[in-house]
């Protein structure tokens, strides 16, 4: 299996199908998803006005965390852009499910 086939297989397994996603993001996808999961688990959707405000808060919290933690080869902006573009649905689902308890 050549490198391009391995990259395609990794993208498929991770649910990333857009060819525009940089390889440095794909290599760190598991870590990025874990960071998002921890941030969501520690969030309080009831403190936000709506879904968009909640997403902004999540991205802000992630940015705050990334100030003290660097992922080699990636900026916090790249990570936030990736989450905003590809993982927004996960944030939305969490907001909807968690806000039922408000």
Protein backbone atom coordinates (compact mmCIF):
# COMPACT_ATOMS: atom_id res chain seq x y z
CA UNK A 1 0.00 0.00 0.00
CA UNK A 2 1.52 3.32 -1.01
CA UNK A 3 1.46 6.50 1.05
CA UNK A 4 -1.52 8.04 -0.77
CA UNK A 5 -3.59 4.89 -0.22
CA UNK A 6 -2.69 4.93 3.47
CA UNK A 7 -3.70 8.58 3.76
CA UNK A 8 -7.01 7.88 2.01
CA UNK A 9 -7.64 4.91 4.31
CA UNK A 10 -6.91 7.04 7.40
CA UNK A 11 -9.24 9.78 6.19
CA UNK A 12 -11.98 7.26 5.58
CA UNK A 13 -11.54 5.65 9.00
CA UNK A 14 -11.55 9.01 10.77
CA UNK A 15 -14.57 10.29 8.88
CA UNK A 16 -12.60 12.95 7.04
CA UNK A 17 -13.43 12.80 3.38
CA UNK A 18 -12.47 16.29 2.22
CA UNK A 19 -9.22 16.25 0.27
CA UNK A 20 -8.53 19.83 1.40
CA UNK A 21 -7.85 18.78 4.99
CA UNK A 22 -4.10 19.17 5.58
CA UNK A 23 -2.16 16.04 6.48
CA UNK A 24 -0.95 17.64 9.72
CA UNK A 25 -4.60 17.88 10.84
CA UNK A 26 -5.29 14.27 9.91
CA UNK A 27 -2.27 13.10 11.88
CA UNK A 28 -3.61 14.86 14.96
CA UNK A 29 -7.30 14.12 14.43
CA UNK A 30 -7.59 11.77 17.40
CA UNK A 31 -6.05 14.39 19.71
CA UNK A 32 -8.27 17.15 18.30
CA UNK A 33 -11.38 15.03 18.83
CA UNK A 34 -10.29 14.22 22.39
CA UNK A 35 -9.75 17.92 23.08
CA UNK A 36 -13.24 18.68 21.76
CA UNK A 37 -14.77 15.85 23.82
CA UNK A 38 -13.15 17.08 27.04
CA UNK A 39 -14.25 20.64 26.31
CA UNK A 40 -17.82 19.53 25.62
CA UNK A 41 -17.91 17.38 28.77
CA UNK A 42 -16.88 20.40 30.83
CA UNK A 43 -19.27 22.83 29.19
CA UNK A 44 -22.57 24.12 30.50
CA UNK A 45 -24.98 24.67 27.57
CA UNK A 46 -27.54 26.26 29.87
CA UNK A 47 -25.17 29.22 30.30
CA UNK A 48 -25.46 30.15 26.61
CA UNK A 49 -28.19 31.97 24.72
CA UNK A 50 -28.30 29.67 21.72
CA UNK A 51 -26.44 27.05 19.71
CA UNK A 52 -24.18 29.57 17.93
CA UNK A 53 -23.23 31.26 21.19
CA UNK A 54 -22.44 27.82 22.62
CA UNK A 55 -20.20 26.95 19.64
CA UNK A 56 -18.36 30.27 20.02
CA UNK A 57 -17.82 29.46 23.71
CA UNK A 58 -16.47 26.00 22.91
CA UNK A 59 -14.05 27.41 20.31
CA UNK A 60 -12.95 30.10 22.79
CA UNK A 61 -12.31 27.46 25.48
CA UNK A 62 -10.29 25.38 23.01
CA UNK A 63 -8.29 28.45 21.99
CA UNK A 64 -7.60 29.21 25.67
CA UNK A 65 -6.36 25.66 26.21
CA UNK A 66 -4.14 25.82 23.13
CA UNK A 67 -2.31 28.89 24.46
CA UNK A 68 -0.49 26.61 26.89
CA UNK A 69 -0.29 23.55 24.67
CA UNK A 70 1.14 23.46 21.18
CA UNK A 71 0.60 20.78 18.61
CA UNK A 72 3.76 20.71 16.56
CA UNK A 73 3.16 21.93 13.05
CA UNK A 74 -0.29 23.37 13.72
CA UNK A 75 -1.58 26.71 14.84
CA UNK A 76 -4.55 27.13 17.15
CA UNK A 77 -6.32 28.85 14.24
CA UNK A 78 -5.96 25.74 12.07
CA UNK A 79 -7.37 23.57 14.84
CA UNK A 80 -10.31 25.90 15.49
CA UNK A 81 -11.02 26.20 11.75
CA UNK A 82 -11.02 22.41 11.42
CA UNK A 83 -13.37 21.98 14.38
CA UNK A 84 -15.65 24.72 13.09
CA UNK A 85 -15.80 23.25 9.60
CA UNK A 86 -15.83 19.51 10.26
CA UNK A 87 -16.97 18.94 13.85
CA UNK A 88 -19.70 21.58 14.22
CA UNK A 89 -22.39 18.92 13.99
CA UNK A 90 -20.92 17.18 17.04
CA UNK A 91 -21.03 20.47 18.96
CA UNK A 92 -24.63 21.07 17.83
CA UNK A 93 -25.74 17.57 18.92
CA UNK A 94 -24.10 18.03 22.31
CA UNK A 95 -25.82 21.39 22.78
CA UNK A 96 -29.24 19.99 21.87
CA UNK A 97 -28.88 16.91 24.10
CA UNK A 98 -27.42 18.75 27.08
CA UNK A 99 -29.79 21.73 26.89
CA UNK A 100 -32.76 19.42 27.44
CA UNK A 101 -31.73 19.36 31.11
CA UNK A 102 -31.86 23.16 31.49
